Amino acid sequence: MTTIKYEPKVEVVSDPDRFAQRSVEIFITDAEKAIETKNIFYVALSGGNTPKHFFEMLGEQPRARNLPWNKIHLFWVDERYVPPVSPQSNYKLAADTFLSKVAVPQNNIHRIPTEYCDFHVAAQKYEETIRNVFNLEQSGTPEFDLIVLGMGADGHTGSLFPNSYAAFDTEDLACVVYVLDDKLNRITLTHPVLCAASHLVVLVSGKEKAAILKEVLSSEPDEVRYPIHAIWPILDKVTWLVDSEAAQSLR
């Protein structure tokens, strides 16, 4: 049996505004396609500084605001274990930038429940929510229409960090990520969920990501060192949206 080797599809944009605008265009295109095909759109979002302007545009642009948000279900790829009102919360970033500006029903917003004292209970509750919304059997995997990812300077994506158990969890849909030192514990979608999506977009911006982007795109897949390499088998479904600063080492 022949294994097809795909090349990364990298789209370079010139400046922060165009980066955010293109992100919005991808979101709208995928939403309209899914809603036209099956009358519903499932999307999982990431947090951090990279998507902030993209989220702001979602709440500002007429075409985005006029989407049938009652047919859009929002999930999160990962979340720091903080209250949803914390400035460090990925949910709060979305709430502050666009959720209050679009007509999305509260029942369609599925944040990761960080209010539980037990991390594992929170992960289980999130997995239960995913299964219920997608109407999945116990062994099924959700097929998101779009998953928005970023990439850290160490090659992680979501909260799948190098040398962490979460990067190798193939049994769960969501799992706990224990982080040492002064960083916060997290909950993340596992890589089988990422790989089952119809489309993934990886947002990479800033000159500090230039070296790692070149390394990740040019090296042989190594999921231990660079967990983002877990999506290499489905590169045909991945769009790398990169700004000019992050792309400077690719030229």
C-alpha atoms as a PDB file:
ATOM      1  CA  MET A   1       0.000   0.000   0.000  1.00  0.00           C
ATOM      2  CA  THR A   2       1.442   3.354  -1.069  1.00  0.00           C
ATOM      3  CA  THR A   3       1.450   6.216   1.428  1.00  0.00           C
ATOM      4  CA  ILE A   4       0.722   9.585  -0.125  1.00  0.00           C
ATOM      5  CA  LYS A   5       3.094  12.295   1.055  1.00  0.00           C
ATOM      6  CA  TYR A   6       1.536  15.739   1.035  1.00  0.00           C
ATOM      7  CA  GLU A   7       3.384  19.034   0.968  1.00  0.00           C
ATOM      8  CA  PRO A   8       2.380  21.817   3.376  1.00  0.00           C
ATOM      9  CA  LYS A   9       0.043  24.379   1.788  1.00  0.00           C
ATOM     10  CA  VAL A  10       1.505  27.691   2.927  1.00  0.00           C
ATOM     11  CA  GLU A  11      -0.241  30.985   2.219  1.00  0.00           C
ATOM     12  CA  VAL A  12       1.814  34.080   3.047  1.00  0.00           C
ATOM     13  CA  VAL A  13       0.102  37.420   3.661  1.00  0.00           C
ATOM     14  CA  SER A  14       1.756  40.799   3.863  1.00  0.00           C
ATOM     15  CA  ASP A  15       0.587  42.506   7.058  1.00  0.00           C
ATOM     16  CA  PRO A  16      -1.507  42.049  10.247  1.00  0.00           C
ATOM     17  CA  ASP A  17      -4.696  43.439   8.713  1.00  0.00           C
ATOM     18  CA  ARG A  18      -4.497  41.147   5.715  1.00  0.00           C
ATOM     19  CA  PHE A  19      -3.658  38.241   8.051  1.00  0.00           C
ATOM     20  CA  ALA A  20      -6.819  38.844  10.075  1.00  0.00           C
ATOM     21  CA  GLN A  21      -8.918  39.509   6.966  1.00  0.00           C
ATOM     22  CA  ARG A  22      -7.823  36.260   5.336  1.00  0.00           C
ATOM     23  CA  SER A  23      -8.616  34.373   8.556  1.00  0.00           C
ATOM     24  CA  VAL A  24     -12.134  35.811   8.480  1.00  0.00           C
ATOM     25  CA  GLU A  25     -12.525  34.854   4.823  1.00  0.00           C
ATOM     26  CA  ILE A  26     -11.591  31.245   5.601  1.00  0.00           C
ATOM     27  CA  PHE A  27     -14.041  31.169   8.518  1.00  0.00           C
ATOM     28  CA  ILE A  28     -16.884  32.573   6.402  1.00  0.00           C
ATOM     29  CA  THR A  29     -16.177  30.312   3.426  1.00  0.00           C
ATOM     30  CA  ASP A  30     -16.103  27.164   5.564  1.00  0.00           C
ATOM     31  CA  ALA A  31     -19.201  28.248   7.498  1.00  0.00           C
ATOM     32  CA  GLU A  32     -21.217  28.969   4.355  1.00  0.00           C
ATOM     33  CA  LYS A  33     -20.125  25.689   2.762  1.00  0.00           C
ATOM     34  CA  ALA A  34     -21.050  23.596   5.815  1.00  0.00           C
ATOM     35  CA  ILE A  35     -24.373  25.346   6.351  1.00  0.00           C
ATOM     36  CA  GLU A  36     -25.326  24.985   2.696  1.00  0.00           C
ATOM     37  CA  THR A  37     -24.383  21.289   2.746  1.00  0.00           C
ATOM     38  CA  LYS A  38     -25.748  20.146   6.114  1.00  0.00           C
ATOM     39  CA  ASN A  39     -27.364  23.207   7.729  1.00  0.00           C
ATOM     40  CA  ILE A  40     -24.821  23.395  10.574  1.00  0.00           C
ATOM     41  CA  PHE A  41     -21.211  24.507  11.109  1.00  0.00           C
ATOM     42  CA  TYR A  42     -18.939  23.098  13.808  1.00  0.00           C
ATOM     43  CA  VAL A  43     -15.782  25.075  14.578  1.00  0.00           C
ATOM     44  CA  ALA A  44     -13.113  24.872  17.295  1.00  0.00           C
ATOM     45  CA  LEU A  45     -11.067  27.967  18.111  1.00  0.00           C
ATOM     46  CA  SER A  46      -7.683  28.541  19.716  1.00  0.00           C
ATOM     47  CA  GLY A  47      -6.572  31.461  21.863  1.00  0.00           C
ATOM     48  CA  GLY A  48      -3.441  33.533  22.304  1.00  0.00           C
ATOM     49  CA  ASN A  49      -2.374  36.794  20.715  1.00  0.00           C
ATOM     50  CA  THR A  50      -2.289  35.551  17.116  1.00  0.00           C
ATOM     51  CA  PRO A  51      -6.065  35.263  16.478  1.00  0.00           C
ATOM     52  CA  LYS A  52      -7.112  38.376  18.424  1.00  0.00           C
ATOM     53  CA  HIS A  53      -7.413  40.709  15.422  1.00  0.00           C
ATOM     54  CA  PHE A  54      -9.145  37.939  13.464  1.00  0.00           C
ATOM     55  CA  PHE A  55     -11.745  37.621  16.240  1.00  0.00           C
ATOM     56  CA  GLU A  56     -12.211  41.386  16.338  1.00  0.00           C
ATOM     57  CA  MET A  57     -12.941  41.402  12.600  1.00  0.00           C
ATOM     58  CA  LEU A  58     -15.486  38.585  13.071  1.00  0.00           C
ATOM     59  CA  GLY A  59     -17.428  40.948  15.289  1.00  0.00           C
ATOM     60  CA  GLU A  60     -17.059  43.937  12.995  1.00  0.00           C
ATOM     61  CA  GLN A  61     -17.417  42.863   9.373  1.00  0.00           C
ATOM     62  CA  PRO A  62     -20.999  42.821   8.030  1.00  0.00           C
ATOM     63  CA  ARG A  63     -20.542  39.581   6.099  1.00  0.00           C
ATOM     64  CA  ALA A  64     -19.337  37.800   9.230  1.00  0.00           C
ATOM     65  CA  ARG A  65     -21.978  39.336  11.479  1.00  0.00           C
ATOM     66  CA  ASN A  66     -24.680  38.353   8.994  1.00  0.00           C
ATOM     67  CA  LEU A  67     -23.811  34.665   9.065  1.00  0.00           C
ATOM     68  CA  PRO A  68     -26.661  32.477  10.390  1.00  0.00           C
ATOM     69  CA  TRP A  69     -25.042  32.177  13.813  1.00  0.00           C
ATOM     70  CA  ASN A  70     -27.926  30.075  15.086  1.00  0.00           C
ATOM     71  CA  LYS A  71     -26.483  27.312  12.897  1.00  0.00           C
ATOM     72  CA  ILE A  72     -22.915  27.734  14.167  1.00  0.00           C
ATOM     73  CA  HIS A  73     -21.581  25.761  17.135  1.00  0.00           C
ATOM     74  CA  LEU A  74     -18.420  27.123  18.760  1.00  0.00           C
ATOM     75  CA  PHE A  75     -15.937  24.971  20.668  1.00  0.00           C
ATOM     76  CA  TRP A  76     -12.396  25.562  21.928  1.00  0.00           C
ATOM     77  CA  VAL A  77      -9.283  23.583  21.036  1.00  0.00           C
ATOM     78  CA  ASP A  78      -7.781  24.099  24.470  1.00  0.00           C
ATOM     79  CA  GLU A  79      -8.066  26.177  27.611  1.00  0.00           C
ATOM     80  CA  ARG A  80      -5.894  27.201  30.528  1.00  0.00           C
ATOM     81  CA  TYR A  81      -7.366  26.038  33.828  1.00  0.00           C
ATOM     82  CA  VAL A  82      -8.561  29.459  34.942  1.00  0.00           C
ATOM     83  CA  PRO A  83     -12.032  30.942  35.518  1.00  0.00           C
ATOM     84  CA  PRO A  84     -13.810  32.032  32.305  1.00  0.00           C
ATOM     85  CA  VAL A  85     -13.507  35.676  33.426  1.00  0.00           C
ATOM     86  CA  SER A  86      -9.703  35.475  33.681  1.00  0.00           C
ATOM     87  CA  PRO A  87      -7.629  37.525  31.213  1.00  0.00           C
ATOM     88  CA  GLN A  88      -5.730  34.291  30.517  1.00  0.00           C
ATOM     89  CA  SER A  89      -8.871  32.463  29.370  1.00  0.00           C
ATOM     90  CA  ASN A  90      -9.162  31.585  25.689  1.00  0.00           C
ATOM     91  CA  TYR A  91     -12.933  31.733  26.060  1.00  0.00           C
ATOM     92  CA  LYS A  92     -12.758  35.274  27.465  1.00  0.00           C
ATOM     93  CA  LEU A  93     -10.703  36.399  24.457  1.00  0.00           C
ATOM     94  CA  ALA A  94     -13.525  35.310  22.162  1.00  0.00           C
ATOM     95  CA  ALA A  95     -16.175  36.745  24.480  1.00  0.00           C
ATOM     96  CA  ASP A  96     -14.449  40.135  24.582  1.00  0.00           C
ATOM     97  CA  THR A  97     -13.767  40.347  20.847  1.00  0.00           C
ATOM     98  CA  PHE A  98     -16.779  38.943  18.976  1.00  0.00           C
ATOM     99  CA  LEU A  99     -19.217  36.726  20.884  1.00  0.00           C
ATOM    100  CA  SER A 100     -21.235  39.681  22.178  1.00  0.00           C
ATOM    101  CA  LYS A 101     -21.382  41.229  18.699  1.00  0.00           C
ATOM    102  CA  VAL A 102     -22.840  38.326  16.734  1.00  0.00           C
ATOM    103  CA  ALA A 103     -26.224  36.629  17.100  1.00  0.00           C
ATOM    104  CA  VAL A 104     -24.916  33.295  18.350  1.00  0.00           C
ATOM    105  CA  PRO A 105     -27.277  31.562  20.787  1.00  0.00           C
ATOM    106  CA  GLN A 106     -25.798  30.879  24.211  1.00  0.00           C
ATOM    107  CA  ASN A 107     -26.624  27.192  23.755  1.00  0.00           C
ATOM    108  CA  ASN A 108     -24.295  27.111  20.743  1.00  0.00           C
ATOM    109  CA  ILE A 109     -21.270  28.270  22.769  1.00  0.00           C
ATOM    110  CA  HIS A 110     -19.457  25.279  24.230  1.00  0.00           C
ATOM    111  CA  ARG A 111     -16.580  26.504  26.359  1.00  0.00           C
ATOM    112  CA  ILE A 112     -14.285  24.157  28.280  1.00  0.00           C
ATOM    113  CA  PRO A 113     -15.733  24.002  31.841  1.00  0.00           C
ATOM    114  CA  THR A 114     -12.883  25.094  34.090  1.00  0.00           C
ATOM    115  CA  GLU A 115     -15.073  25.619  37.152  1.00  0.00           C
ATOM    116  CA  TYR A 116     -14.650  22.013  38.348  1.00  0.00           C
ATOM    117  CA  CYS A 117     -12.122  21.338  41.119  1.00  0.00           C
ATOM    118  CA  ASP A 118     -11.137  18.064  39.478  1.00  0.00           C
ATOM    119  CA  PHE A 119      -9.360  18.539  36.137  1.00  0.00           C
ATOM    120  CA  HIS A 120     -10.392  15.085  34.952  1.00  0.00           C
ATOM    121  CA  VAL A 121     -14.061  15.781  35.624  1.00  0.00           C
ATOM    122  CA  ALA A 122     -13.781  18.950  33.541  1.00  0.00           C
ATOM    123  CA  ALA A 123     -12.209  17.043  30.646  1.00  0.00           C
ATOM    124  CA  GLN A 124     -14.905  14.372  30.876  1.00  0.00           C
ATOM    125  CA  LYS A 125     -17.683  16.990  30.929  1.00  0.00           C
ATOM    126  CA  TYR A 126     -16.227  18.670  27.851  1.00  0.00           C
ATOM    127  CA  GLU A 127     -16.015  15.334  26.065  1.00  0.00           C
ATOM    128  CA  GLU A 128     -19.642  14.631  27.025  1.00  0.00           C
ATOM    129  CA  THR A 129     -20.667  17.984  25.565  1.00  0.00           C
ATOM    130  CA  ILE A 130     -18.868  17.212  22.310  1.00  0.00           C
ATOM    131  CA  ARG A 131     -20.508  13.790  22.064  1.00  0.00           C
ATOM    132  CA  ASN A 132     -23.946  15.217  22.794  1.00  0.00           C
ATOM    133  CA  VAL A 133     -23.709  18.084  20.295  1.00  0.00           C
ATOM    134  CA  PHE A 134     -22.307  15.843  17.561  1.00  0.00           C
ATOM    135  CA  ASN A 135     -24.699  13.021  18.522  1.00  0.00           C
ATOM    136  CA  LEU A 136     -21.786  10.595  18.753  1.00  0.00           C
ATOM    137  CA  GLU A 137     -21.611   7.057  20.011  1.00  0.00           C
ATOM    138  CA  GLN A 138     -19.084   6.321  22.759  1.00  0.00           C
ATOM    139  CA  SER A 139     -16.408   5.285  20.265  1.00  0.00           C
ATOM    140  CA  GLY A 140     -17.017   8.009  17.659  1.00  0.00           C
ATOM    141  CA  THR A 141     -14.797  10.965  16.792  1.00  0.00           C
ATOM    142  CA  PRO A 142     -16.286  14.386  15.970  1.00  0.00           C
ATOM    143  CA  GLU A 143     -15.692  15.818  12.508  1.00  0.00           C
ATOM    144  CA  PHE A 144     -15.282  19.549  12.928  1.00  0.00           C
ATOM    145  CA  ASP A 145     -15.793  21.589   9.785  1.00  0.00           C
ATOM    146  CA  LEU A 146     -12.987  23.934  10.803  1.00  0.00           C
ATOM    147  CA  ILE A 147     -10.351  23.893  13.536  1.00  0.00           C
ATOM    148  CA  VAL A 148      -8.288  27.028  14.041  1.00  0.00           C
ATOM    149  CA  LEU A 149      -4.828  26.276  15.423  1.00  0.00           C
ATOM    150  CA  GLY A 150      -1.713  28.201  16.295  1.00  0.00           C
ATOM    151  CA  MET A 151       1.841  27.005  16.805  1.00  0.00           C
ATOM    152  CA  GLY A 152       4.139  27.739  19.723  1.00  0.00           C
ATOM    153  CA  ALA A 153       7.847  28.457  19.522  1.00  0.00           C
ATOM    154  CA  ASP A 154       8.479  24.878  20.715  1.00  0.00           C
ATOM    155  CA  GLY A 155       6.349  23.310  17.979  1.00  0.00           C
ATOM    156  CA  HIS A 156       3.275  22.656  20.117  1.00  0.00           C
ATOM    157  CA  THR A 157      -0.273  23.203  18.937  1.00  0.00           C
ATOM    158  CA  GLY A 158      -3.385  23.447  21.068  1.00  0.00           C
ATOM    159  CA  SER A 159      -1.979  22.301  24.398  1.00  0.00           C
ATOM    160  CA  LEU A 160      -0.188  19.303  22.930  1.00  0.00           C
ATOM    161  CA  PHE A 161       3.259  20.043  24.302  1.00  0.00           C
ATOM    162  CA  PRO A 162       6.513  18.199  23.556  1.00  0.00           C
ATOM    163  CA  ASN A 163       7.032  15.150  25.775  1.00  0.00           C
ATOM    164  CA  SER A 164       3.585  15.418  27.408  1.00  0.00           C
ATOM    165  CA  TYR A 165       1.150  12.506  27.643  1.00  0.00           C
ATOM    166  CA  ALA A 166      -1.554  14.548  25.913  1.00  0.00           C
ATOM    167  CA  ALA A 167       0.372  14.429  22.647  1.00  0.00           C
ATOM    168  CA  PHE A 168       0.014  10.627  22.623  1.00  0.00           C
ATOM    169  CA  ASP A 169      -3.555  10.260  23.925  1.00  0.00           C
ATOM    170  CA  THR A 170      -5.575   8.475  21.239  1.00  0.00           C
ATOM    171  CA  GLU A 171      -8.370   7.210  23.518  1.00  0.00           C
ATOM    172  CA  ASP A 172      -9.985  10.469  24.624  1.00  0.00           C
ATOM    173  CA  LEU A 173     -11.482  13.421  22.779  1.00  0.00           C
ATOM    174  CA  ALA A 174     -10.262  15.848  25.454  1.00  0.00           C
ATOM    175  CA  CYS A 175      -7.609  15.355  28.091  1.00  0.00           C
ATOM    176  CA  VAL A 176      -5.828  17.115  30.936  1.00  0.00           C
ATOM    177  CA  VAL A 177      -2.390  18.631  30.384  1.00  0.00           C
ATOM    178  CA  TYR A 178      -0.266  18.962  33.502  1.00  0.00           C
ATOM    179  CA  VAL A 179       2.366  21.664  33.185  1.00  0.00           C
ATOM    180  CA  LEU A 180       5.341  22.138  35.488  1.00  0.00           C
ATOM    181  CA  ASP A 181       6.929  25.328  36.784  1.00  0.00           C
ATOM    182  CA  ASP A 182       4.752  28.445  36.895  1.00  0.00           C
ATOM    183  CA  LYS A 183       2.596  27.663  33.859  1.00  0.00           C
ATOM    184  CA  LEU A 184      -1.089  26.767  34.100  1.00  0.00           C
ATOM    185  CA  ASN A 185      -2.552  23.313  33.706  1.00  0.00           C
ATOM    186  CA  ARG A 186      -4.802  22.946  30.680  1.00  0.00           C
ATOM    187  CA  ILE A 187      -7.403  20.873  28.902  1.00  0.00           C
ATOM    188  CA  THR A 188      -6.999  20.174  25.198  1.00  0.00           C
ATOM    189  CA  LEU A 189      -8.551  18.328  22.310  1.00  0.00           C
ATOM    190  CA  THR A 190      -6.451  15.302  21.393  1.00  0.00           C
ATOM    191  CA  HIS A 191      -4.738  14.863  18.061  1.00  0.00           C
ATOM    192  CA  PRO A 192      -7.231  12.274  16.671  1.00  0.00           C
ATOM    193  CA  VAL A 193      -9.888  15.003  16.951  1.00  0.00           C
ATOM    194  CA  LEU A 194      -7.656  17.445  15.104  1.00  0.00           C
ATOM    195  CA  CYS A 195      -6.949  14.930  12.342  1.00  0.00           C
ATOM    196  CA  ALA A 196     -10.641  14.122  11.862  1.00  0.00           C
ATOM    197  CA  ALA A 197     -11.557  17.716  10.950  1.00  0.00           C
ATOM    198  CA  SER A 198     -12.579  18.630   7.418  1.00  0.00           C
ATOM    199  CA  HIS A 199     -10.265  21.644   7.400  1.00  0.00           C
ATOM    200  CA  LEU A 200      -7.593  22.992   9.723  1.00  0.00           C
ATOM    201  CA  VAL A 201      -5.967  26.390   9.495  1.00  0.00           C
ATOM    202  CA  VAL A 202      -2.712  27.012  11.355  1.00  0.00           C
ATOM    203  CA  LEU A 203      -2.165  30.705  12.087  1.00  0.00           C
ATOM    204  CA  VAL A 204       1.491  31.689  12.444  1.00  0.00           C
ATOM    205  CA  SER A 205       2.589  35.291  12.886  1.00  0.00           C
ATOM    206  CA  GLY A 206       5.590  37.253  14.124  1.00  0.00           C
ATOM    207  CA  LYS A 207       9.321  37.105  13.458  1.00  0.00           C
ATOM    208  CA  GLU A 208       9.851  35.088  16.659  1.00  0.00           C
ATOM    209  CA  LYS A 209       8.098  32.153  14.907  1.00  0.00           C
ATOM    210  CA  ALA A 210      10.267  32.277  11.763  1.00  0.00           C
ATOM    211  CA  ALA A 211      12.892  29.769  12.874  1.00  0.00           C
ATOM    212  CA  ILE A 212      10.482  27.196  14.293  1.00  0.00           C
ATOM    213  CA  LEU A 213       8.194  27.466  11.262  1.00  0.00           C
ATOM    214  CA  LYS A 214      11.077  26.691   8.921  1.00  0.00           C
ATOM    215  CA  GLU A 215      12.213  23.796  11.116  1.00  0.00           C
ATOM    216  CA  VAL A 216       8.738  22.291  11.433  1.00  0.00           C
ATOM    217  CA  LEU A 217       7.964  22.564   7.714  1.00  0.00           C
ATOM    218  CA  SER A 218      11.323  21.258   6.499  1.00  0.00           C
ATOM    219  CA  SER A 219      12.188  18.484   8.976  1.00  0.00           C
ATOM    220  CA  GLU A 220      11.034  14.883   8.995  1.00  0.00           C
ATOM    221  CA  PRO A 221       7.888  14.408  11.124  1.00  0.00           C
ATOM    222  CA  ASP A 222       8.739  13.938  14.803  1.00  0.00           C
ATOM    223  CA  GLU A 223       5.643  14.143  17.008  1.00  0.00           C
ATOM    224  CA  VAL A 224       7.689  13.833  20.198  1.00  0.00           C
ATOM    225  CA  ARG A 225       9.804  16.885  19.467  1.00  0.00           C
ATOM    226  CA  TYR A 226       7.169  18.838  17.541  1.00  0.00           C
ATOM    227  CA  PRO A 227       3.616  17.744  18.412  1.00  0.00           C
ATOM    228  CA  ILE A 228       2.216  19.743  15.498  1.00  0.00           C
ATOM    229  CA  HIS A 229       3.691  17.037  13.275  1.00  0.00           C
ATOM    230  CA  ALA A 230       0.701  14.907  14.371  1.00  0.00           C
ATOM    231  CA  ILE A 231      -1.258  16.563  11.559  1.00  0.00           C
ATOM    232  CA  TRP A 232       1.263  15.528   8.868  1.00  0.00           C
ATOM    233  CA  PRO A 233      -0.834  12.541   7.694  1.00  0.00           C
ATOM    234  CA  ILE A 234      -3.656  14.960   6.817  1.00  0.00           C
ATOM    235  CA  LEU A 235      -1.630  17.866   5.395  1.00  0.00           C
ATOM    236  CA  ASP A 236      -3.955  17.931   2.395  1.00  0.00           C
ATOM    237  CA  LYS A 237      -6.625  19.321   4.769  1.00  0.00           C
ATOM    238  CA  VAL A 238      -4.362  21.921   6.400  1.00  0.00           C
ATOM    239  CA  THR A 239      -3.878  25.560   5.386  1.00  0.00           C
ATOM    240  CA  TRP A 240      -0.880  27.345   6.883  1.00  0.00           C
ATOM    241  CA  LEU A 241      -1.694  31.045   7.056  1.00  0.00           C
ATOM    242  CA  VAL A 242       1.564  32.877   7.702  1.00  0.00           C
ATOM    243  CA  ASP A 243       2.427  36.537   7.892  1.00  0.00           C
ATOM    244  CA  SER A 244       5.508  37.958   6.158  1.00  0.00           C
ATOM    245  CA  GLU A 245       7.557  38.152   9.363  1.00  0.00           C
ATOM    246  CA  ALA A 246       7.018  34.496  10.257  1.00  0.00           C
ATOM    247  CA  ALA A 247       7.704  33.513   6.632  1.00  0.00           C
ATOM    248  CA  GLN A 248      11.010  35.352   6.304  1.00  0.00           C
ATOM    249  CA  SER A 249      13.086  32.177   6.739  1.00  0.00           C
ATOM    250  CA  LEU A 250      11.067  30.293   4.123  1.00  0.00           C
ATOM    251  CA  ARG A 251      12.256  32.390   1.210  1.00  0.00           C
END
